[in-house]
Amino acid sequence: MTDPVSLDGPHFYQRQKLVEYIQDQGISPITKQTISQNTIKEEPDLKAEIECALFERQPPTQKLEMKKLQNLRIVSPIYSERLELCNETLQFH
């Protein structure tokens, strides 16, 4: 999962798969009630956790390259903020 979203409740979905399901079925996969794509909620905290986990699995050389890109401001501001959060979480400097 790289782009987690939710509806009302503790269930998380990959955005594209949920959108496809709603377009095809028009109902919630859990409650079976009619829903629209407007009910999809962003999950930025979970997305950041996933990105940190993916960052942690990178080889040290790739982490260093990502850090260099962040310092050069080549990485987008949003990704840069998440990378900083990962650095703090993982204590990678």
N, C-alpha and C. Protein backbone atom coordinates (compact mmCIF):
# COMPACT_ATOMS: atom_id res chain seq x y z
N MET A 1 0.86 -1.18 0.00
CA MET A 1 0.00 0.00 0.00
C MET A 1 0.90 1.23 0.00
N THR A 2 0.63 2.14 -0.91
CA THR A 2 1.42 3.36 -0.99
C THR A 2 0.58 4.63 -0.87
N ASP A 3 -0.73 4.51 -1.08
CA ASP A 3 -1.61 5.68 -1.01
C ASP A 3 -2.86 5.30 -0.20
N PRO A 4 -2.71 5.18 1.13
CA PRO A 4 -3.82 4.70 1.94
C PRO A 4 -4.91 5.74 2.13
N VAL A 5 -6.14 5.24 2.10
CA VAL A 5 -7.32 6.07 2.36
C VAL A 5 -8.28 5.23 3.21
N SER A 6 -9.32 5.87 3.70
CA SER A 6 -10.34 5.15 4.47
C SER A 6 -11.71 5.73 4.15
N LEU A 7 -12.71 5.03 4.65
CA LEU A 7 -14.07 5.55 4.66
C LEU A 7 -14.33 5.85 6.13
N ASP A 8 -15.54 5.78 6.61
CA ASP A 8 -15.76 5.93 8.05
C ASP A 8 -15.45 4.61 8.72
N GLY A 9 -14.40 4.59 9.50
CA GLY A 9 -14.06 3.37 10.20
C GLY A 9 -12.58 3.04 10.13
N PRO A 10 -12.22 1.93 10.74
CA PRO A 10 -10.81 1.57 10.88
C PRO A 10 -10.23 0.79 9.71
N HIS A 11 -10.93 0.69 8.60
CA HIS A 11 -10.44 -0.08 7.47
C HIS A 11 -9.72 0.84 6.48
N PHE A 12 -8.56 0.39 6.01
CA PHE A 12 -7.76 1.19 5.08
C PHE A 12 -7.68 0.49 3.74
N TYR A 13 -7.59 1.32 2.71
CA TYR A 13 -7.59 0.80 1.34
C TYR A 13 -6.53 1.54 0.52
N GLN A 14 -6.07 0.88 -0.53
CA GLN A 14 -5.25 1.56 -1.53
C GLN A 14 -6.22 2.42 -2.33
N ARG A 15 -5.90 3.71 -2.46
CA ARG A 15 -6.83 4.67 -3.09
C ARG A 15 -7.38 4.17 -4.42
N GLN A 16 -6.53 3.80 -5.33
CA GLN A 16 -6.97 3.45 -6.68
C GLN A 16 -7.92 2.26 -6.66
N LYS A 17 -7.63 1.27 -5.82
CA LYS A 17 -8.50 0.09 -5.74
C LYS A 17 -9.87 0.45 -5.17
N LEU A 18 -9.89 1.32 -4.17
CA LEU A 18 -11.17 1.73 -3.59
C LEU A 18 -11.98 2.55 -4.59
N VAL A 19 -11.32 3.44 -5.29
CA VAL A 19 -12.01 4.25 -6.32
C VAL A 19 -12.62 3.33 -7.37
N GLU A 20 -11.85 2.36 -7.83
CA GLU A 20 -12.36 1.42 -8.84
C GLU A 20 -13.57 0.65 -8.29
N TYR A 21 -13.47 0.22 -7.04
CA TYR A 21 -14.57 -0.53 -6.43
C TYR A 21 -15.84 0.34 -6.34
N ILE A 22 -15.68 1.57 -5.89
CA ILE A 22 -16.83 2.46 -5.77
C ILE A 22 -17.44 2.76 -7.14
N GLN A 23 -16.59 2.97 -8.14
CA GLN A 23 -17.10 3.23 -9.49
C GLN A 23 -17.87 2.02 -10.03
N ASP A 24 -17.38 0.84 -9.72
CA ASP A 24 -18.00 -0.39 -10.22
C ASP A 24 -19.25 -0.77 -9.42
N GLN A 25 -19.15 -0.73 -8.08
CA GLN A 25 -20.23 -1.21 -7.23
C GLN A 25 -21.13 -0.12 -6.67
N GLY A 26 -20.54 1.06 -6.39
CA GLY A 26 -21.32 2.16 -5.84
C GLY A 26 -21.68 2.01 -4.37
N ILE A 27 -21.04 1.04 -3.70
CA ILE A 27 -21.35 0.80 -2.29
C ILE A 27 -20.07 0.66 -1.48
N SER A 28 -20.21 0.79 -0.17
CA SER A 28 -19.10 0.58 0.74
C SER A 28 -18.76 -0.91 0.77
N PRO A 29 -17.47 -1.26 0.73
CA PRO A 29 -17.13 -2.68 0.80
C PRO A 29 -17.43 -3.29 2.18
N ILE A 30 -17.62 -2.46 3.19
CA ILE A 30 -17.89 -2.96 4.54
C ILE A 30 -19.38 -2.92 4.86
N THR A 31 -19.98 -1.73 4.74
CA THR A 31 -21.39 -1.57 5.15
C THR A 31 -22.39 -1.93 4.06
N LYS A 32 -21.92 -1.95 2.83
CA LYS A 32 -22.76 -2.22 1.64
C LYS A 32 -23.78 -1.10 1.40
N GLN A 33 -23.59 0.06 2.06
CA GLN A 33 -24.46 1.21 1.82
C GLN A 33 -23.93 1.99 0.62
N THR A 34 -24.80 2.68 -0.05
CA THR A 34 -24.43 3.48 -1.21
C THR A 34 -23.48 4.60 -0.77
N ILE A 35 -22.39 4.77 -1.49
CA ILE A 35 -21.42 5.83 -1.20
C ILE A 35 -20.89 6.41 -2.51
N SER A 36 -20.20 7.53 -2.39
CA SER A 36 -19.54 8.14 -3.54
C SER A 36 -18.07 8.33 -3.21
N GLN A 37 -17.30 8.70 -4.21
CA GLN A 37 -15.87 8.93 -4.01
C GLN A 37 -15.60 10.09 -3.06
N ASN A 38 -16.58 10.96 -2.87
CA ASN A 38 -16.42 12.10 -1.97
C ASN A 38 -16.28 11.68 -0.51
N THR A 39 -16.65 10.44 -0.19
CA THR A 39 -16.55 9.98 1.19
C THR A 39 -15.17 9.42 1.53
N ILE A 40 -14.30 9.33 0.54
CA ILE A 40 -12.94 8.82 0.77
C ILE A 40 -12.16 9.85 1.58
N LYS A 41 -11.47 9.37 2.61
CA LYS A 41 -10.69 10.26 3.48
C LYS A 41 -9.20 9.97 3.34
N GLU A 42 -8.42 11.04 3.28
CA GLU A 42 -6.97 10.92 3.26
C GLU A 42 -6.49 10.31 4.58
N GLU A 43 -5.37 9.62 4.54
CA GLU A 43 -4.75 9.07 5.75
C GLU A 43 -3.27 9.45 5.76
N PRO A 44 -2.98 10.75 5.99
CA PRO A 44 -1.59 11.22 5.88
C PRO A 44 -0.64 10.60 6.91
N ASP A 45 -1.14 10.31 8.10
CA ASP A 45 -0.26 9.71 9.12
C ASP A 45 0.15 8.30 8.71
N LEU A 46 -0.80 7.52 8.24
CA LEU A 46 -0.49 6.16 7.80
C LEU A 46 0.43 6.21 6.58
N LYS A 47 0.17 7.15 5.67
CA LYS A 47 1.02 7.28 4.49
C LYS A 47 2.46 7.61 4.90
N ALA A 48 2.62 8.49 5.88
CA ALA A 48 3.96 8.84 6.36
C ALA A 48 4.65 7.63 6.99
N GLU A 49 3.88 6.83 7.74
CA GLU A 49 4.45 5.62 8.35
C GLU A 49 4.92 4.65 7.28
N ILE A 50 4.12 4.48 6.24
CA ILE A 50 4.49 3.59 5.14
C ILE A 50 5.75 4.09 4.45
N GLU A 51 5.80 5.40 4.19
CA GLU A 51 6.97 5.97 3.53
C GLU A 51 8.22 5.82 4.40
N CYS A 52 8.07 5.97 5.71
CA CYS A 52 9.21 5.77 6.61
C CYS A 52 9.68 4.32 6.55
N ALA A 53 8.74 3.39 6.54
CA ALA A 53 9.11 1.98 6.48
C ALA A 53 9.83 1.67 5.17
N LEU A 54 9.35 2.24 4.07
CA LEU A 54 10.01 2.03 2.77
C LEU A 54 11.39 2.67 2.77
N PHE A 55 11.50 3.85 3.37
CA PHE A 55 12.79 4.54 3.45
C PHE A 55 13.77 3.71 4.27
N GLU A 56 13.28 3.14 5.37
CA GLU A 56 14.13 2.35 6.26
C GLU A 56 14.72 1.14 5.54
N ARG A 57 13.98 0.60 4.59
CA ARG A 57 14.43 -0.60 3.87
C ARG A 57 15.42 -0.30 2.75
N GLN A 58 15.63 0.98 2.46
CA GLN A 58 16.56 1.35 1.40
C GLN A 58 17.99 1.06 1.84
N PRO A 59 18.87 0.70 0.89
CA PRO A 59 20.28 0.54 1.23
C PRO A 59 20.85 1.88 1.71
N PRO A 60 21.87 1.86 2.57
CA PRO A 60 22.45 3.11 3.09
C PRO A 60 22.86 4.09 1.99
N THR A 61 23.38 3.59 0.87
CA THR A 61 23.79 4.51 -0.20
C THR A 61 22.60 5.25 -0.79
N GLN A 62 21.47 4.56 -0.93
CA GLN A 62 20.29 5.23 -1.47
C GLN A 62 19.73 6.23 -0.46
N LYS A 63 19.78 5.90 0.83
CA LYS A 63 19.34 6.84 1.86
C LYS A 63 20.18 8.11 1.78
N LEU A 64 21.47 7.93 1.59
CA LEU A 64 22.37 9.08 1.50
C LEU A 64 22.03 9.93 0.28
N GLU A 65 21.76 9.29 -0.85
CA GLU A 65 21.37 10.04 -2.06
C GLU A 65 20.07 10.80 -1.84
N MET A 66 19.11 10.17 -1.18
CA MET A 66 17.84 10.84 -0.90
C MET A 66 18.07 12.04 0.01
N LYS A 67 18.95 11.87 0.98
CA LYS A 67 19.27 12.97 1.89
C LYS A 67 19.93 14.12 1.13
N LYS A 68 20.83 13.80 0.20
CA LYS A 68 21.48 14.84 -0.62
C LYS A 68 20.45 15.60 -1.44
N LEU A 69 19.52 14.87 -2.06
CA LEU A 69 18.48 15.52 -2.86
C LEU A 69 17.62 16.43 -1.99
N GLN A 70 17.34 15.97 -0.77
CA GLN A 70 16.56 16.79 0.16
C GLN A 70 17.32 18.08 0.46
N ASN A 71 18.61 17.97 0.71
CA ASN A 71 19.42 19.15 1.03
C ASN A 71 19.52 20.11 -0.15
N LEU A 72 19.48 19.58 -1.36
CA LEU A 72 19.53 20.41 -2.56
C LEU A 72 18.16 20.95 -2.95
N ARG A 73 17.13 20.56 -2.20
CA ARG A 73 15.74 20.98 -2.43
C ARG A 73 15.21 20.47 -3.77
N ILE A 74 15.76 19.34 -4.24
CA ILE A 74 15.25 18.73 -5.46
C ILE A 74 14.01 17.90 -5.15
N VAL A 75 13.93 17.41 -3.94
CA VAL A 75 12.79 16.63 -3.49
C VAL A 75 11.65 17.59 -3.17
N SER A 76 10.42 17.19 -3.47
CA SER A 76 9.28 18.07 -3.21
C SER A 76 9.19 18.41 -1.73
N PRO A 77 8.63 19.59 -1.39
CA PRO A 77 8.51 19.99 0.01
C PRO A 77 7.75 18.98 0.87
N ILE A 78 6.69 18.40 0.33
CA ILE A 78 5.90 17.44 1.10
C ILE A 78 6.75 16.20 1.37
N TYR A 79 7.43 15.69 0.34
CA TYR A 79 8.26 14.51 0.54
C TYR A 79 9.42 14.85 1.46
N SER A 80 9.94 16.05 1.34
CA SER A 80 11.05 16.47 2.19
C SER A 80 10.62 16.46 3.66
N GLU A 81 9.42 16.95 3.95
CA GLU A 81 8.92 16.95 5.33
C GLU A 81 8.80 15.52 5.84
N ARG A 82 8.31 14.63 5.00
CA ARG A 82 8.16 13.24 5.42
C ARG A 82 9.52 12.59 5.62
N LEU A 83 10.48 12.94 4.78
CA LEU A 83 11.83 12.39 4.92
C LEU A 83 12.44 12.87 6.23
N GLU A 84 12.20 14.13 6.58
CA GLU A 84 12.69 14.64 7.86
C GLU A 84 12.05 13.89 9.02
N LEU A 85 10.73 13.62 8.92
CA LEU A 85 10.04 12.86 9.94
C LEU A 85 10.65 11.47 10.06
N CYS A 86 10.92 10.84 8.91
CA CYS A 86 11.55 9.52 8.93
C CYS A 86 12.92 9.59 9.58
N ASN A 87 13.68 10.62 9.26
CA ASN A 87 15.01 10.77 9.85
C ASN A 87 14.92 10.85 11.36
N GLU A 88 13.94 11.62 11.85
CA GLU A 88 13.77 11.74 13.30
C GLU A 88 13.31 10.41 13.89
N THR A 89 12.37 9.76 13.22
CA THR A 89 11.85 8.49 13.71
C THR A 89 12.94 7.43 13.73
N LEU A 90 13.73 7.38 12.67
CA LEU A 90 14.74 6.34 12.54
C LEU A 90 16.10 6.78 13.10
N GLN A 91 16.18 8.04 13.48
CA GLN A 91 17.43 8.63 13.97
C GLN A 91 18.54 8.46 12.94
N PHE A 92 18.19 8.71 11.67
CA PHE A 92 19.16 8.66 10.59
C PHE A 92 19.62 10.07 10.29
N HIS A 93 20.91 10.33 10.36
CA HIS A 93 21.43 11.67 10.09
C HIS A 93 22.55 11.59 9.08
